[in-house]
Protein backbone atom coordinates (compact mmCIF):
# COMPACT_ATOMS: atom_id res chain seq x y z
CA UNK A 1 12.90 -15.60 5.71
CA UNK A 2 10.16 -15.81 8.30
CA UNK A 3 6.52 -16.96 7.35
CA UNK A 4 3.28 -17.11 8.93
CA UNK A 5 1.61 -20.57 8.45
CA UNK A 6 -2.26 -20.62 8.75
CA UNK A 7 -4.55 -23.53 8.93
CA UNK A 8 -8.20 -22.66 7.90
CA UNK A 9 -11.34 -23.72 9.18
CA UNK A 10 -11.39 -22.85 12.90
CA UNK A 11 -13.85 -20.42 14.24
CA UNK A 12 -12.43 -17.56 16.32
CA UNK A 13 -13.80 -16.98 19.77
CA UNK A 14 -12.82 -14.82 22.87
CA UNK A 15 -11.46 -11.32 23.36
CA UNK A 16 -8.33 -9.53 22.19
CA UNK A 17 -6.95 -6.32 23.43
CA UNK A 18 -5.88 -3.18 21.10
CA UNK A 19 -3.06 -1.07 22.08
CA UNK A 20 -1.87 2.38 20.83
CA UNK A 21 -2.47 3.45 17.10
CA UNK A 22 0.67 3.29 15.08
CA UNK A 23 -0.71 6.15 12.94
CA UNK A 24 -0.78 8.38 16.05
CA UNK A 25 2.36 7.25 17.77
CA UNK A 26 4.73 7.93 14.98
CA UNK A 27 3.81 11.48 14.87
CA UNK A 28 3.62 11.87 18.57
CA UNK A 29 7.20 10.77 18.69
CA UNK A 30 8.10 13.45 16.16
CA UNK A 31 6.54 15.90 18.43
CA UNK A 32 9.17 15.30 20.93
CA UNK A 33 11.55 17.39 18.47
CA UNK A 34 9.78 20.54 19.40
CA UNK A 35 11.04 21.16 22.90
CA UNK A 36 14.00 19.76 25.08
CA UNK A 37 12.91 17.57 28.06
CA UNK A 38 11.69 14.06 28.79
CA UNK A 39 8.58 12.79 26.59
CA UNK A 40 6.76 9.75 27.36
CA UNK A 41 4.05 7.97 25.47
CA UNK A 42 1.77 5.44 26.88
CA UNK A 43 0.58 1.95 25.61
CA UNK A 44 2.86 1.92 22.67
CA UNK A 45 3.10 -1.53 20.87
CA UNK A 46 6.48 -2.92 19.91
CA UNK A 47 6.03 -2.73 16.13
CA UNK A 48 8.68 -2.30 13.44
CA UNK A 49 7.54 1.20 12.50
CA UNK A 50 8.10 2.57 16.04
CA UNK A 51 11.57 1.15 16.05
CA UNK A 52 12.31 2.67 12.70
CA UNK A 53 10.93 6.14 13.83
CA UNK A 54 12.99 5.63 17.10
CA UNK A 55 16.08 5.24 14.73
CA UNK A 56 15.29 8.52 12.89
CA UNK A 57 14.84 10.39 16.20
CA UNK A 58 18.25 8.79 17.68
CA UNK A 59 20.13 9.96 14.51
CA UNK A 60 18.73 13.61 15.18
CA UNK A 61 19.78 13.44 18.83
CA UNK A 62 16.87 11.92 20.82
CA UNK A 63 17.34 9.11 23.35
CA UNK A 64 14.53 6.60 22.87
CA UNK A 65 13.95 3.89 25.53
CA UNK A 66 11.12 1.33 25.84
CA UNK A 67 9.90 0.03 29.23
CA UNK A 68 7.08 -2.30 28.80
CA UNK A 69 4.51 -0.30 26.59
CA UNK A 70 5.88 3.07 27.71
CA UNK A 71 8.21 4.83 25.28
CA UNK A 72 10.37 7.53 26.71
CA UNK A 73 12.13 10.16 24.53
CA UNK A 74 14.84 12.39 25.93
CA UNK A 75 15.43 15.33 23.77
CA UNK A 76 18.64 17.44 24.20
CA UNK A 77 19.14 21.23 24.02
CA UNK A 78 20.72 20.79 20.53
CA UNK A 79 19.70 18.55 17.85
CA UNK A 80 20.85 17.42 14.44
CA UNK A 81 18.11 18.65 11.89
CA UNK A 82 18.68 15.84 9.37
CA UNK A 83 16.88 12.52 8.66
CA UNK A 84 19.15 10.29 6.21
CA UNK A 85 18.05 8.38 3.15
CA UNK A 86 18.66 5.07 4.61
CA UNK A 87 16.15 5.67 7.30
CA UNK A 88 13.57 7.92 5.89
CA UNK A 89 13.33 5.56 2.74
CA UNK A 90 12.09 2.62 5.04
CA UNK A 91 8.98 4.92 6.14
CA UNK A 92 7.01 7.54 4.81
CA UNK A 93 6.02 8.91 8.14
CA UNK A 94 9.44 10.28 8.52
CA UNK A 95 8.81 13.27 6.30
CA UNK A 96 6.66 14.89 9.33
CA UNK A 97 10.04 15.69 10.81
CA UNK A 98 10.29 18.51 8.49
CA UNK A 99 7.67 20.84 10.23
CA UNK A 100 9.11 20.33 13.86
CA UNK A 101 12.62 20.72 12.70
CA UNK A 102 11.93 24.00 10.72
CA UNK A 103 9.95 25.44 13.89
CA UNK A 104 12.86 24.35 16.35
CA UNK A 105 16.06 24.99 14.40
CA UNK A 106 15.18 27.01 11.35
CA UNK A 107 16.48 24.29 9.09
CA UNK A 108 16.05 20.70 7.96
CA UNK A 109 17.70 18.13 5.74
CA UNK A 110 15.22 15.26 4.95
CA UNK A 111 15.51 12.53 2.37
CA UNK A 112 12.48 11.94 0.10
CA UNK A 113 10.20 9.45 1.98
CA UNK A 114 9.72 5.72 1.31
CA UNK A 115 7.19 3.22 3.00
CA UNK A 116 4.66 1.21 1.40
CA UNK A 117 4.66 0.86 -2.22
CA UNK A 118 0.98 2.00 -2.86
CA UNK A 119 1.63 4.34 -5.71
CA UNK A 120 2.17 7.99 -6.20
CA UNK A 121 1.88 9.88 -2.79
CA UNK A 122 3.50 13.28 -3.52
CA UNK A 123 4.44 15.62 -0.65
CA UNK A 124 3.63 18.86 -2.68
CA UNK A 125 1.09 19.80 0.02
CA UNK A 126 3.53 19.44 2.82
CA UNK A 127 5.96 21.66 0.98
CA UNK A 128 3.60 24.32 -0.41
CA UNK A 129 1.94 24.82 3.03
CA UNK A 130 5.43 25.20 4.81
CA UNK A 131 6.65 27.55 1.90
CA UNK A 132 3.51 29.70 2.77
CA UNK A 133 4.96 29.77 6.43
CA UNK A 134 8.14 31.16 5.01
CA UNK A 135 10.31 27.95 4.44
CA UNK A 136 12.34 27.63 1.21
CA UNK A 137 13.37 24.21 -0.22
CA UNK A 138 15.86 22.93 -2.38
CA UNK A 139 16.43 19.30 -3.56
CA UNK A 140 20.29 18.32 -3.61
CA UNK A 141 21.27 14.70 -4.37
CA UNK A 142 17.91 13.21 -3.16
CA UNK A 143 17.77 15.54 -0.10
CA UNK A 144 15.22 18.16 0.64
CA UNK A 145 17.34 21.09 2.08
CA UNK A 146 14.79 23.30 4.05
CA UNK A 147 15.54 26.52 5.73
CA UNK A 148 13.60 29.65 7.27
CA UNK A 149 14.85 33.11 7.95
CA UNK A 150 14.10 33.47 11.60
CA UNK A 151 10.72 31.97 12.71
CA UNK A 152 8.04 30.42 10.67
CA UNK A 153 5.23 32.70 10.11
CA UNK A 154 1.59 31.78 10.56
CA UNK A 155 -0.30 31.49 7.21
CA UNK A 156 -3.64 30.60 5.73
CA UNK A 157 -3.18 27.24 4.05
CA UNK A 158 -5.81 25.44 1.90
CA UNK A 159 -5.12 21.77 1.11
CA UNK A 160 -6.19 20.40 -2.19
CA UNK A 161 -7.00 17.18 -0.43
CA UNK A 162 -7.61 16.58 3.25
CA UNK A 163 -4.05 14.91 3.63
CA UNK A 164 -3.18 13.49 6.92
CA UNK A 165 0.50 13.79 6.71
CA UNK A 166 0.08 17.41 5.36
CA UNK A 167 -2.11 18.40 8.19
CA UNK A 168 0.22 16.98 10.70
CA UNK A 169 3.29 18.58 9.27
CA UNK A 170 1.54 21.92 9.29
CA UNK A 171 0.13 21.38 12.90
CA UNK A 172 3.71 20.47 14.18
CA UNK A 173 5.14 23.47 12.41
CA UNK A 174 2.54 26.02 13.47
CA UNK A 175 2.83 25.40 17.05
CA UNK A 176 6.13 27.45 17.34
CA UNK A 177 5.51 29.74 14.59
CA UNK A 178 4.95 33.52 14.75
CA UNK A 179 1.14 34.15 14.52
CA UNK A 180 -1.64 31.94 13.67
CA UNK A 181 -1.85 29.13 11.02
CA UNK A 182 -5.12 28.11 9.59
CA UNK A 183 -5.35 24.82 7.89
CA UNK A 184 -8.54 24.80 5.50
CA UNK A 185 -9.61 21.44 4.00
CA UNK A 186 -7.73 19.69 6.99
CA UNK A 187 -7.78 15.99 7.62
CA UNK A 188 -10.18 15.07 10.33
CA UNK A 189 -8.81 11.51 11.45
CA UNK A 190 -8.69 10.57 15.29
CA UNK A 191 -5.23 10.43 15.00
CA UNK A 192 -4.96 14.09 14.02
CA UNK A 193 -7.23 14.76 17.19
CA UNK A 194 -4.98 12.68 19.29
CA UNK A 195 -1.93 14.63 17.99
CA UNK A 196 -3.61 17.93 18.69
CA UNK A 197 -4.34 16.77 22.17
CA UNK A 198 -0.72 15.88 22.94
CA UNK A 199 0.40 19.19 21.57
CA UNK A 200 -2.21 21.10 23.73
CA UNK A 201 -1.15 19.18 26.65
CA UNK A 202 2.62 20.53 25.76
CA UNK A 203 1.13 24.06 25.91
CA UNK A 204 0.17 24.62 22.24
CA UNK A 205 -2.85 26.32 21.21
CA UNK A 206 -5.01 24.65 18.71
CA UNK A 207 -8.68 24.84 17.67
CA UNK A 208 -10.85 22.76 15.38
CA UNK A 209 -8.92 19.45 15.47
CA UNK A 210 -11.51 16.92 14.21
CA UNK A 211 -13.13 19.52 11.79
CA UNK A 212 -12.24 20.65 8.33
CA UNK A 213 -10.75 23.92 9.64
CA UNK A 214 -7.77 23.81 12.28
CA UNK A 215 -6.40 26.94 13.72
CA UNK A 216 -2.95 26.91 15.43
CA UNK A 217 -1.97 29.86 17.38
CA UNK A 218 1.99 29.95 17.70
CA UNK A 219 3.52 30.04 21.19
CA UNK A 220 7.05 30.94 22.46
CA UNK A 221 7.67 27.64 23.87
CA UNK A 222 6.31 24.10 24.90
CA UNK A 223 7.32 21.63 27.55
CA UNK A 224 7.58 17.74 27.63
CA UNK A 225 4.65 15.66 28.78
CA UNK A 226 3.38 12.27 29.27
CA UNK A 227 0.63 11.35 26.80
CA UNK A 228 -1.79 8.41 26.56
CA UNK A 229 -2.09 7.20 22.97
CA UNK A 230 -5.36 6.88 21.24
CA UNK A 231 -6.22 3.14 20.40
CA UNK A 232 -5.31 1.56 17.01
CA UNK A 233 -8.62 1.45 15.15
CA UNK A 234 -7.11 -0.46 12.03
CA UNK A 235 -5.89 -3.24 14.46
CA UNK A 236 -9.36 -3.30 15.98
CA UNK A 237 -10.90 -3.52 12.64
CA UNK A 238 -8.49 -6.22 11.51
CA UNK A 239 -9.59 -8.34 14.66
CA UNK A 240 -13.29 -7.63 13.80
CA UNK A 241 -12.93 -8.86 10.23
CA UNK A 242 -10.92 -11.90 11.78
CA UNK A 243 -14.18 -12.81 13.61
CA UNK A 244 -16.49 -12.16 10.87
CA UNK A 245 -14.63 -14.20 8.21
CA UNK A 246 -14.42 -17.27 10.46
CA UNK A 247 -18.23 -16.93 11.39
CA UNK A 248 -16.73 -16.43 15.00
CA UNK A 249 -17.65 -14.37 18.04
CA UNK A 250 -14.93 -11.91 18.99
CA UNK A 251 -14.82 -9.04 21.40
CA UNK A 252 -12.19 -6.33 20.90
CA UNK A 253 -11.35 -4.48 24.01
CA UNK A 254 -9.72 -1.17 24.62
CA UNK A 255 -10.94 0.38 21.44
CA UNK A 256 -13.25 3.45 20.27
CA UNK A 257 -16.08 2.16 18.49
CA UNK A 258 -16.95 5.64 16.93
CA UNK A 259 -13.59 5.50 15.13
CA UNK A 260 -14.84 2.64 13.07
CA UNK A 261 -18.28 3.93 12.47
CA UNK A 262 -18.32 3.38 8.55
CA UNK A 263 -16.33 0.08 8.72
CA UNK A 264 -18.76 -1.33 11.41
CA UNK A 265 -21.80 -0.30 9.29
CA UNK A 266 -20.28 -2.31 6.19
CA UNK A 267 -19.75 -5.13 8.42
CA UNK A 268 -23.36 -4.88 9.43
CA UNK A 269 -24.47 -4.70 5.88
CA UNK A 270 -22.59 -7.90 5.26
CA UNK A 271 -24.61 -9.78 7.80
CA UNK A 272 -22.27 -9.51 10.77
CA UNK A 273 -23.73 -8.83 14.22
CA UNK A 274 -22.09 -5.97 15.88
CA UNK A 275 -22.31 -4.74 19.56
CA UNK A 276 -20.61 -1.69 20.44
CA UNK A 277 -19.73 -0.83 24.11
CA UNK A 278 -18.00 2.32 25.46
CA UNK A 279 -14.60 0.79 24.74
CA UNK A 280 -15.59 -2.72 23.26
CA UNK A 281 -16.89 -4.09 19.97
CA UNK A 282 -18.32 -7.54 19.73
CA UNK A 283 -18.65 -9.16 16.28
CA UNK A 284 -20.41 -12.36 15.54
CA UNK A 285 -19.91 -13.40 12.07
CA UNK A 286 -22.50 -15.22 9.64
CA UNK A 287 -21.88 -18.56 8.05
CA UNK A 288 -21.45 -16.71 4.77
CA UNK A 289 -21.38 -12.80 4.46
CA UNK A 290 -23.53 -10.95 2.44
CA UNK A 291 -22.20 -8.78 -0.70
CA UNK A 292 -21.44 -5.13 0.07
CA UNK A 293 -20.25 -2.15 -2.09
CA UNK A 294 -18.04 0.47 -0.42
CA UNK A 295 -15.46 3.30 -1.38
CA UNK A 296 -12.67 4.46 0.43
CA UNK A 297 -12.68 7.88 1.83
CA UNK A 298 -10.92 10.33 4.19
CA UNK A 299 -12.51 9.97 7.72
CA UNK A 300 -15.24 9.63 8.76
CA UNK A 301 -15.42 7.42 5.62
CA UNK A 302 -14.30 4.04 5.09
CA UNK A 303 -10.28 3.89 5.84
CA UNK A 304 -8.30 2.72 3.08
CA UNK A 305 -6.15 0.61 5.40
CA UNK A 306 -9.11 -1.54 6.13
CA UNK A 307 -10.16 -2.08 2.39
CA UNK A 308 -7.80 -5.24 1.75
CA UNK A 309 -9.33 -6.93 5.03
CA UNK A 310 -12.88 -6.26 4.07
CA UNK A 311 -12.18 -7.43 0.35
CA UNK A 312 -10.87 -10.85 2.04
CA UNK A 313 -14.25 -11.02 3.63
CA UNK A 314 -16.32 -10.20 0.57
CA UNK A 315 -14.23 -12.79 -1.40
CA UNK A 316 -16.43 -15.54 0.32
CA UNK A 317 -19.69 -13.44 0.18
CA UNK A 318 -22.84 -14.77 -1.39
CA UNK A 319 -22.85 -12.48 -4.34
CA UNK A 320 -20.69 -9.91 -5.97
CA UNK A 321 -19.30 -6.65 -4.29
CA UNK A 322 -17.81 -3.42 -5.96
CA UNK A 323 -15.04 -1.89 -4.15
CA UNK A 324 -13.83 1.66 -5.10
CA UNK A 325 -10.24 2.82 -3.99
CA UNK A 326 -10.07 6.64 -3.90
CA UNK A 327 -6.84 7.23 -2.01
CA UNK A 328 -3.94 4.98 -3.49
CA UNK A 329 -3.65 4.12 -7.00
CA UNK A 330 -1.70 0.83 -6.20
CA UNK A 331 -3.52 -0.45 -3.26
CA UNK A 332 -5.11 -3.40 -5.10
CA UNK A 333 -1.49 -5.07 -5.63
CA UNK A 334 -2.27 -7.66 -3.35
CA UNK A 335 -5.37 -8.93 -5.23
CA UNK A 336 -3.18 -11.32 -7.34
CA UNK A 337 -2.13 -13.13 -4.14
CA UNK A 338 -5.77 -13.25 -2.90
CA UNK A 339 -6.69 -14.89 -6.14
CA UNK A 340 -4.08 -17.57 -5.46
CA UNK A 341 -6.35 -18.64 -2.60
CA UNK A 342 -9.20 -18.99 -5.08
CA UNK A 343 -10.86 -15.46 -4.98
CA UNK A 344 -12.66 -14.37 -8.14
CA UNK A 345 -11.69 -10.63 -8.38
CA UNK A 346 -11.41 -8.23 -11.27
CA UNK A 347 -9.62 -4.86 -11.11
CA UNK A 348 -10.10 -2.11 -13.41
CA UNK A 349 -8.21 1.07 -12.39
CA UNK A 350 -9.69 2.20 -8.97
CA UNK A 351 -12.54 -0.33 -8.95
CA UNK A 352 -12.50 -4.00 -7.89
CA UNK A 353 -15.45 -6.42 -8.43
CA UNK A 354 -15.48 -9.10 -6.03
CA UNK A 355 -17.46 -12.28 -6.90
CA UNK A 356 -17.92 -14.24 -3.74
CA UNK A 357 -16.86 -17.81 -4.01
CA UNK A 358 -18.05 -20.84 -2.04
CA UNK A 359 -14.51 -21.56 -0.58
CA UNK A 360 -10.92 -20.59 -0.49
CA UNK A 361 -7.99 -22.98 -0.50
CA UNK A 362 -4.68 -22.55 1.11
CA UNK A 363 -1.47 -21.59 -0.93
CA UNK A 364 1.82 -19.76 -0.65
CA UNK A 365 1.27 -16.04 -1.00
CA UNK A 366 3.47 -12.95 -0.29
CA UNK A 367 2.41 -9.83 1.72
CA UNK A 368 3.08 -6.81 -0.28
CA UNK A 369 2.39 -4.27 2.48
CA UNK A 370 1.15 -4.17 5.99
CA UNK A 371 -2.67 -4.17 5.58
CA UNK A 372 -2.68 -6.70 2.47
CA UNK A 373 -0.50 -8.91 4.54
CA UNK A 374 -2.96 -8.92 7.31
CA UNK A 375 -5.82 -9.52 4.85
CA UNK A 376 -3.92 -12.63 3.33
CA UNK A 377 -3.70 -14.02 6.92
CA UNK A 378 -7.33 -13.33 7.46
CA UNK A 379 -8.19 -14.99 4.22
CA UNK A 380 -6.04 -18.05 5.32
CA UNK A 381 -8.09 -18.35 8.42
CA UNK A 382 -11.36 -19.28 5.93
CA UNK A 383 -9.32 -20.98 3.53
CA UNK A 384 -9.30 -24.99 3.23
CA UNK A 385 -5.91 -26.39 4.07
CA UNK A 386 -2.67 -24.51 4.79
CA UNK A 387 -1.93 -20.93 3.81
CA UNK A 388 1.71 -19.54 4.11
CA UNK A 389 2.28 -15.89 3.92
CA UNK A 390 5.73 -14.63 3.17
CA UNK A 391 7.40 -11.26 3.42
CA UNK A 392 5.86 -10.86 7.05
CA UNK A 393 8.25 -8.10 7.78
CA UNK A 394 5.45 -5.93 6.38
CA UNK A 395 3.12 -7.26 8.83
CA UNK A 396 5.32 -6.63 11.57
CA UNK A 397 5.34 -2.72 10.87
CA UNK A 398 1.91 -2.58 11.90
CA UNK A 399 0.90 -5.45 14.20
CA UNK A 400 2.79 -6.25 17.31
CA UNK A 401 2.17 -9.88 17.21
CA UNK A 402 -0.62 -10.93 14.95
CA UNK A 403 0.05 -14.46 15.24
CA UNK A 404 -0.13 -14.51 19.08
CA UNK A 405 -3.27 -12.61 19.21
CA UNK A 406 -5.03 -14.74 16.57
CA UNK A 407 -4.00 -17.98 18.38
CA UNK A 408 -5.31 -16.59 21.57
CA UNK A 409 -8.79 -16.50 19.78
CA UNK A 410 -8.41 -20.18 18.70
CA UNK A 411 -6.80 -19.80 15.32
CA UNK A 412 -4.37 -22.65 13.83
CA UNK A 413 -1.21 -20.22 13.20
CA UNK A 414 2.30 -19.98 13.73
CA UNK A 415 5.53 -18.23 12.60
CA UNK A 416 8.27 -20.34 11.02
């Protein structure tokens, strides 16, 4: 089993590059199912989740090839409309194959999704939205068997919550549906906007992406395109916290600062100097951060995927902070591991009280999910002595080479 070994106490300095966003790429890969031809995505990192989604698409019949950072997907005229359990259980994002497979073939057989164990994340909104468009579902032996009589039909769908996955599934289904689909209370994330941009390049008619109401006018056919993927704001935010927690001076290049508007505001409230460029963010960390309260919310609120990294920073703040997690009921599972490093944190339901300590001390810890794993690495950068992070396959799902990137900034870090 591989581990990441971190020696604490070094101030990070320099610049680091951000590549395409995991949360956009996975859904843009799925968009290749909508039409035969050669699809390309540019600036794609070699992360485990991209490999996993590639395996899902290969099973369906799409040929996926990497050349440097270009991912080429060749979709045949006929596809196998199924995603088996052994692949889907490894990654929740696989559920978004439902929409495009129904739109393209009129049927789909998809296992219930897996992915990070962050608590209950039901797919009811995906299914009820697709049912409103004419799909029927039956659960057989752990597989969702979906069919539609003819073409999907445009419908008015109101989401109970601005779910990113449900919004994406309905957009991907609606582009080839008969008539217009209106998604009310839609997710507004930059990755949603980027998926809509790719679909428009393919010939789709979509209005309102980035707002709470998205209208998709169905078209008869689409064409394959080459699409530049939006930068990964969570990776950018992780590097920003790495600079801040070490009292360093780090410039993140190739990012979109406006996609981190709330996260950067909270860093500033913690005493971090933040300079925003057109495609760069520079952070200069304080000797010790100030305490900050925040709550996770859908975009443009504070992203839940940045919560563990921010908690790591606040664990060495000069006072007490309160963090409220509004999206995932098991997001705080990593707190026990952070406390092994000396953090003083109390969790009650969706609230965490972080009492800043003078210092952290290195210890063996385990990464329970992608972002918590990254947060434990960041805490190790600040801790005295050596921190060993196990179960790093979680981290590899979202970061191409976190060790090399942090080492390039001066961190004492290696894989073993």
